Amino acid sequence: MFSKVNKSGPNGAATDSTRPGGKSGVPSIISADLRITGDLVCSGDVQIDGWVEGDVQSRNITIGEGATVQGGLQAESVRICGLVNGEVRADIVVLEKTAKVTGDILHKSLAIEQGAFIEGMCRRIDGGVKPAATAPAVTPAANATPAPEAEKKAAANA
């Protein structure tokens, strides 16, 4: 503060030389009065207490009790206390008693407190998250016999 050494970076912005790469240990916070439309991508931690319409990708994500996310979450660790309407993909997922999730949860570890609400599929993943396989189309058997009502309609039309 009082030294004569210039601590600003190439664009005149201050740099944090005490941490490698200038990364902060403080999470990015979306406060309760903030509404965001668009995807969020962060290499650190994100705490959402407001309203987000879009996907969120980060290292650690915390969804606060009054928060709403209309989109998917992807992280190493996700803790949900609020409302999420979208797919959750994370190594560790914790649903607190106030959580309400509508969407699939893909996880390595899942903890659900009594009172949490889930409407969707929970699936454990071993390695990397793989896209869901599509079910093969069902085709009628070649030797299937038609229903009696279908036979009567066919005979009446002939």
Protein backbone atom coordinates (compact mmCIF):
# COMPACT_ATOMS: atom_id res chain seq x y z
CA MET A 1 0.00 0.00 0.00
CA PHE A 2 2.77 2.45 0.88
CA SER A 3 5.56 0.98 -1.24
CA LYS A 4 6.69 2.58 -4.48
CA VAL A 5 6.43 -0.72 -6.39
CA ASN A 6 3.65 -0.76 -9.01
CA LYS A 7 1.44 -3.77 -8.34
CA SER A 8 -0.87 -3.32 -11.31
CA GLY A 9 -1.08 -5.77 -14.17
CA PRO A 10 -0.73 -5.10 -17.92
CA ASN A 11 -4.15 -3.41 -18.20
CA GLY A 12 -3.72 -1.36 -15.06
CA ALA A 13 -5.75 -3.81 -12.99
CA ALA A 14 -4.42 -4.77 -9.60
CA THR A 15 -3.00 -8.27 -9.33
CA ASP A 16 -2.95 -10.57 -6.35
CA SER A 17 0.63 -11.75 -6.14
CA THR A 18 0.06 -13.70 -2.92
CA ARG A 19 -1.97 -16.40 -4.65
CA PRO A 20 -0.72 -18.41 -7.62
CA GLY A 21 -2.46 -17.40 -10.83
CA GLY A 22 -4.27 -14.59 -9.00
CA LYS A 23 -7.06 -16.98 -7.97
CA SER A 24 -9.13 -16.04 -4.97
CA GLY A 25 -10.36 -18.48 -2.33
CA VAL A 26 -13.63 -16.55 -2.08
CA PRO A 27 -16.65 -17.95 -3.97
CA SER A 28 -18.44 -15.93 -6.62
CA ILE A 29 -21.79 -14.99 -5.10
CA ILE A 30 -25.06 -14.40 -6.92
CA SER A 31 -26.96 -12.51 -4.22
CA ALA A 32 -30.66 -12.89 -3.44
CA ASP A 33 -31.64 -9.69 -5.28
CA LEU A 34 -29.78 -10.64 -8.49
CA ARG A 35 -31.46 -12.25 -11.51
CA ILE A 36 -29.24 -13.65 -14.28
CA THR A 37 -30.27 -14.93 -17.70
CA GLY A 38 -27.44 -16.85 -19.37
CA ASP A 39 -24.89 -19.56 -18.70
CA LEU A 40 -22.35 -19.21 -15.89
CA VAL A 41 -18.86 -20.71 -16.16
CA CYS A 42 -16.40 -20.41 -13.29
CA SER A 43 -13.16 -22.21 -12.46
CA GLY A 44 -13.66 -21.70 -8.72
CA ASP A 45 -16.64 -21.85 -6.40
CA VAL A 46 -20.10 -20.35 -7.01
CA GLN A 47 -22.77 -19.62 -4.44
CA ILE A 48 -26.20 -18.81 -5.87
CA ASP A 49 -28.74 -17.13 -3.62
CA GLY A 50 -30.65 -15.38 -6.42
CA TRP A 51 -32.33 -16.50 -9.65
CA VAL A 52 -30.44 -17.96 -12.63
CA GLU A 53 -31.93 -18.99 -15.97
CA GLY A 54 -29.16 -20.93 -17.68
CA ASP A 55 -26.59 -23.64 -17.10
CA VAL A 56 -23.98 -23.31 -14.33
CA GLN A 57 -20.54 -24.93 -14.59
CA SER A 58 -18.02 -24.59 -11.78
CA ARG A 59 -15.74 -26.52 -9.44
CA ASN A 60 -18.11 -26.27 -6.45
CA ILE A 61 -21.70 -25.00 -6.59
CA THR A 62 -23.93 -24.09 -3.67
CA ILE A 63 -27.60 -23.31 -4.29
CA GLY A 64 -28.95 -21.31 -1.35
CA GLU A 65 -32.30 -21.91 0.34
CA GLY A 66 -34.12 -19.08 -1.46
CA ALA A 67 -32.37 -19.59 -4.81
CA THR A 68 -33.85 -20.79 -8.11
CA VAL A 69 -31.89 -22.24 -11.03
CA GLN A 70 -33.69 -22.97 -14.29
CA GLY A 71 -30.93 -24.95 -16.02
CA GLY A 72 -28.34 -27.65 -15.54
CA LEU A 73 -25.54 -27.81 -12.99
CA GLN A 74 -22.13 -29.36 -13.63
CA ALA A 75 -19.40 -29.42 -10.99
CA GLU A 76 -17.15 -31.55 -8.82
CA SER A 77 -19.38 -30.85 -5.82
CA VAL A 78 -22.97 -29.55 -5.66
CA ARG A 79 -24.92 -28.64 -2.51
CA ILE A 80 -28.59 -27.78 -3.08
CA CYS A 81 -30.80 -26.06 -0.53
CA GLY A 82 -33.11 -24.26 -2.99
CA LEU A 83 -34.90 -25.05 -6.26
CA VAL A 84 -33.21 -26.54 -9.34
CA ASN A 85 -35.10 -27.31 -12.53
CA GLY A 86 -32.58 -29.15 -14.73
CA GLU A 87 -29.98 -31.89 -14.85
CA VAL A 88 -27.37 -32.09 -12.08
CA ARG A 89 -23.98 -33.69 -12.93
CA ALA A 90 -21.39 -33.86 -10.18
CA ASP A 91 -19.04 -36.19 -8.35
CA ILE A 92 -20.61 -35.26 -5.00
CA VAL A 93 -24.25 -34.15 -4.69
CA VAL A 94 -25.84 -33.14 -1.39
CA LEU A 95 -29.55 -32.36 -1.19
CA GLU A 96 -30.49 -30.52 1.99
CA LYS A 97 -33.97 -30.84 3.54
CA THR A 98 -35.16 -27.66 1.76
CA ALA A 99 -33.97 -28.80 -1.69
CA LYS A 100 -36.38 -29.22 -4.59
CA VAL A 101 -34.89 -30.78 -7.73
CA THR A 102 -36.84 -31.45 -10.91
CA GLY A 103 -34.48 -33.26 -13.26
CA ASP A 104 -32.00 -36.10 -13.41
CA ILE A 105 -29.07 -36.37 -11.00
CA LEU A 106 -25.86 -38.04 -12.25
CA HIS A 107 -23.41 -38.54 -9.39
CA LYS A 108 -20.59 -40.57 -7.85
CA SER A 109 -21.79 -39.83 -4.31
CA LEU A 110 -25.32 -38.72 -3.34
CA ALA A 111 -26.60 -37.62 0.07
CA ILE A 112 -30.27 -36.75 0.57
CA GLU A 113 -31.66 -35.28 3.77
CA GLN A 114 -35.15 -36.20 4.92
CA GLY A 115 -37.60 -33.70 3.43
CA ALA A 116 -35.74 -33.09 0.15
CA PHE A 117 -37.85 -33.34 -3.02
CA ILE A 118 -36.66 -35.04 -6.21
CA GLU A 119 -38.60 -35.56 -9.40
CA GLY A 120 -36.29 -37.31 -11.82
CA MET A 121 -33.83 -40.14 -12.13
CA CYS A 122 -30.77 -40.59 -9.91
CA ARG A 123 -27.94 -42.47 -11.61
CA ARG A 124 -24.49 -43.28 -10.29
CA ILE A 125 -21.61 -42.68 -12.66
CA ASP A 126 -18.28 -44.48 -12.37
CA GLY A 127 -15.92 -42.71 -14.77
CA GLY A 128 -16.63 -39.63 -16.79
CA VAL A 129 -20.20 -38.64 -17.41
CA LYS A 130 -21.39 -40.36 -20.57
CA PRO A 131 -24.36 -39.27 -22.66
CA ALA A 132 -27.52 -41.25 -22.03
CA ALA A 133 -28.00 -44.15 -24.42
CA THR A 134 -31.17 -44.03 -26.45
CA ALA A 135 -33.51 -46.98 -26.31
CA PRO A 136 -33.86 -48.97 -29.52
CA ALA A 137 -37.05 -48.39 -31.46
CA VAL A 138 -39.72 -51.02 -30.87
CA THR A 139 -40.93 -52.63 -34.09
CA PRO A 140 -43.93 -54.97 -34.33
CA ALA A 141 -43.13 -58.63 -34.80
CA ALA A 142 -43.55 -59.92 -38.36
CA ASN A 143 -45.74 -62.83 -37.26
CA ALA A 144 -47.98 -60.82 -34.89
CA THR A 145 -51.68 -61.43 -35.33
CA PRO A 146 -53.91 -58.39 -35.65
CA ALA A 147 -56.44 -57.62 -32.93
CA PRO A 148 -60.01 -58.86 -33.58
CA GLU A 149 -61.37 -55.30 -33.79
CA ALA A 150 -58.75 -54.40 -36.38
CA GLU A 151 -59.78 -57.47 -38.41
CA LYS A 152 -63.45 -56.43 -38.36
CA LYS A 153 -62.60 -52.87 -39.50
CA ALA A 154 -60.37 -54.21 -42.26
CA ALA A 155 -63.11 -56.61 -43.45
CA ALA A 156 -65.74 -53.84 -43.38
CA ASN A 157 -63.53 -51.54 -45.49
CA ALA A 158 -62.82 -54.28 -48.07
